[in-house]
């Protein structure tokens, strides 16, 4: 079992949690605020949900692929997630 955590926009948090639960057997959403620097160098923020999932190791790639797909179709340009203790930022 591995802990996988994603910062997802609040507007797609529920669908991400539903998909994660179907794959891993459960998921938790924690409300928060995401901050980043945009391409103009300005600090931006948005409401996010921290999606926390404990998943069998053989389901990690399926979980990540599905969450990335949801984010890409909702016009997100990047995904931030943590597998175990390893953070990752990927452009979509």
Protein backbone atom coordinates (compact mmCIF):
# COMPACT_ATOMS: atom_id res chain seq x y z
CA UNK A 1 0.00 0.00 0.00
CA UNK A 2 1.26 3.48 -0.93
CA UNK A 3 -0.04 6.92 -0.07
CA UNK A 4 -0.71 9.07 -3.14
CA UNK A 5 -1.77 12.71 -2.77
CA UNK A 6 -2.89 15.20 -5.43
CA UNK A 7 -3.62 18.92 -5.35
CA UNK A 8 -6.72 19.22 -7.55
CA UNK A 9 -8.90 22.24 -8.36
CA UNK A 10 -11.93 22.37 -6.07
CA UNK A 11 -14.29 22.28 -9.07
CA UNK A 12 -13.12 18.77 -10.06
CA UNK A 13 -12.34 17.43 -6.59
CA UNK A 14 -15.50 15.34 -6.31
CA UNK A 15 -15.08 13.58 -9.65
CA UNK A 16 -11.39 12.93 -8.88
CA UNK A 17 -12.34 11.44 -5.49
CA UNK A 18 -15.03 9.24 -7.06
CA UNK A 19 -12.60 7.89 -9.65
CA UNK A 20 -9.87 7.38 -7.04
CA UNK A 21 -12.28 5.54 -4.75
CA UNK A 22 -13.36 3.25 -7.59
CA UNK A 23 -9.72 2.38 -8.31
CA UNK A 24 -8.27 2.22 -4.79
CA UNK A 25 -11.30 1.50 -2.62
CA UNK A 26 -11.44 4.92 -0.93
CA UNK A 27 -10.29 8.53 -1.03
CA UNK A 28 -10.35 11.67 1.13
CA UNK A 29 -10.73 15.31 0.03
CA UNK A 30 -9.30 18.06 2.23
CA UNK A 31 -10.05 21.71 1.32
CA UNK A 32 -7.16 24.09 0.84
CA UNK A 33 -5.67 26.93 -1.17
CA UNK A 34 -3.15 26.49 -3.99
CA UNK A 35 -0.55 29.17 -4.78
CA UNK A 36 1.72 29.39 -7.83
CA UNK A 37 3.62 31.87 -9.98
CA UNK A 38 2.15 32.35 -13.47
CA UNK A 39 4.05 32.95 -16.73
CA UNK A 40 4.05 36.73 -16.03
CA UNK A 41 5.78 36.18 -12.68
CA UNK A 42 2.66 37.05 -10.68
CA UNK A 43 1.50 35.01 -7.70
CA UNK A 44 -1.89 33.38 -8.31
CA UNK A 45 -4.15 31.33 -6.08
CA UNK A 46 -7.22 29.13 -6.30
CA UNK A 47 -9.30 26.91 -4.06
CA UNK A 48 -8.04 23.35 -4.25
CA UNK A 49 -8.81 20.01 -2.71
CA UNK A 50 -6.05 17.79 -1.43
CA UNK A 51 -6.98 14.31 -2.67
CA UNK A 52 -5.47 11.65 -0.40
CA UNK A 53 -5.54 8.01 -1.48
CA UNK A 54 -4.06 4.87 0.01
CA UNK A 55 -3.69 2.47 -2.90
CA UNK A 56 -2.12 -0.88 -3.66
CA UNK A 57 1.18 -0.39 -5.49
CA UNK A 58 -0.14 -2.17 -8.59
CA UNK A 59 -2.90 0.49 -8.91
CA UNK A 60 -0.68 3.60 -8.66
CA UNK A 61 -0.14 4.08 -12.40
CA UNK A 62 -3.86 3.59 -13.13
CA UNK A 63 -4.77 6.11 -10.43
CA UNK A 64 -2.28 8.74 -11.63
CA UNK A 65 -3.27 8.27 -15.27
CA UNK A 66 -6.98 8.71 -14.52
CA UNK A 67 -6.50 11.83 -12.36
CA UNK A 68 -4.21 13.37 -15.01
CA UNK A 69 -6.85 12.66 -17.66
CA UNK A 70 -9.57 14.38 -15.62
CA UNK A 71 -7.34 17.41 -15.08
CA UNK A 72 -6.32 17.60 -18.73
CA UNK A 73 -9.94 17.48 -19.94
CA UNK A 74 -10.80 20.25 -17.46
CA UNK A 75 -8.14 22.48 -19.08
CA UNK A 76 -5.53 22.26 -16.34
CA UNK A 77 -1.96 22.72 -17.56
CA UNK A 78 -0.15 20.84 -14.80
CA UNK A 79 -0.60 18.31 -12.02
CA UNK A 80 1.13 18.24 -8.65
CA UNK A 81 1.13 14.99 -6.71
CA UNK A 82 3.12 13.06 -4.14
CA UNK A 83 3.74 9.31 -4.21
CA UNK A 84 4.96 8.18 -0.81
CA UNK A 85 7.33 11.05 0.00
CA UNK A 86 8.32 11.91 -3.59
CA UNK A 87 6.68 15.10 -4.96
CA UNK A 88 6.10 15.45 -8.70
CA UNK A 89 5.02 18.29 -10.97
CA UNK A 90 4.06 17.34 -14.52
CA UNK A 91 2.85 19.45 -17.42
CA UNK A 92 -0.29 18.10 -19.07
